[in-house]
Amino acid sequence: MPKRKMELAVEYPSPDEHEYTEKLAAVLKQKVADSYPPGKTLRDAHPKEHGCVMAEFIIEPELPLEWRVGVFREARSYPAVIRFSNASPTVQPDSKKDVRGMAIKLLGVEGDKLLEDDKNGLTLDFITISFDSFFAKDPKELYIFTKAFFSGTLGALWYFFNPFNPHIGTFLSIFKSAQRHTSPLDIRYWSMTPYLFGDRAVKYSVVPWRHTPAVIPKNPPECYLRENMQEQLAHDPFYFDFMIQFQVDPYSMPIEDPTVSWSEKASPFHKLATIVIPAQHFDTAAKMEYGDNLSYNPWRTLPEHRPLGGINRCRDRVYQVISKFRHDRNDVAQAEPPPDFTLASLKEGKTTLA
């Protein structure tokens, strides 16, 4: 069978994508409703927060002209709110292997956004995790996996090892991506999925500057990742490079299949910005709750950075459904932080600006 002709930065949606996106949204919404009581409903994924911190996102000076795109068009800095979290749909001890997330929200970003409910907003989100690829290639595969996983241990095992339709590759991907970490500040993160960068397609990576990493305690407490991060930030700032990788081949670096890692040898990452997380005390009830109530969505972005591929198109619908359901159930308004927001402006016992 001849290879399908594909082009750089071009999407190729499946005809059944909308159907499985709606099915996935319904399954996840029901799972959230069954898992949490009203008033304390957490996310369907990344429910355990390790910390929500203030940061500064500093665009590199003198970027090449072709890299001055969207939010990177000029050398300037943006305040940011970063939420570190786990990926497991259940809150579990940090000693269990898991994938970790770093969600970055830039404040004061002007321009119309792609997110329908927040077109005139002044925030922009980047979503990254501690592995360079996803375990499902499209909404259909993600829905089938999710339904099997939520049906219990036997359902999950049958999904992975069904002799008539095994998903060994999915099992190995999940097994490989789940790791035990020392601190959220010691981890490299990736976007997994591609995004537009003007008229090109890229993936993102957030790379920590070299430093002495934290240590996993001998008898680690349930939230040692948060404790380690708070100890690291007690006196010293921490730094990350925000980088992009250009798609240079539509076949080996596909848009529609995020289970495929893009080769860094074929296309290296390039630095566009520095993330500075200053020394701070974030481990308070009010700040942790504020982070839980925040919403991050890759579609909260400028058209120049539009999310690409079926998993991202699925996220557009699913994230909005779950976020609205969660906030309504908790009786908390969905609100984005203003450009002058700081976590220091929160008071204990409150999750709004003082």
Foldseek 3Di string as FASTA:
>chain_A
DDDDDDDFPDADDDPCLVVLLVLQLVLLLVVQPVPDAQQDGFFQFQRAWLFKFKWKKFFDAPDPCLQLFAPLVHGDMFIKIKIKGWGDSDQWFLQWFTKMKIKIKTFQRAAAFQQPVQRGHGIAIAIKIQDQFALALFSVRVSQQSVQVVVDDVSNCCAQPVVVHHSVSSVVVRVVNGGRDQAPLQGKIWRLAWWAQQSFIKIKIKAWDDDDTHDQDPPHDRSNRSVRVLVVLQAAKTKIFIKIWTDDDCPQDPRRGSRRGDDCVVTNIDTGIMMIGHRDHGPAPQNVVLSRLAAHANRRGHNNTGTTYRVNVSSSPSSVSRSVSNCVSSVHDHDDDHRPDHSVQDDHPDNDGD
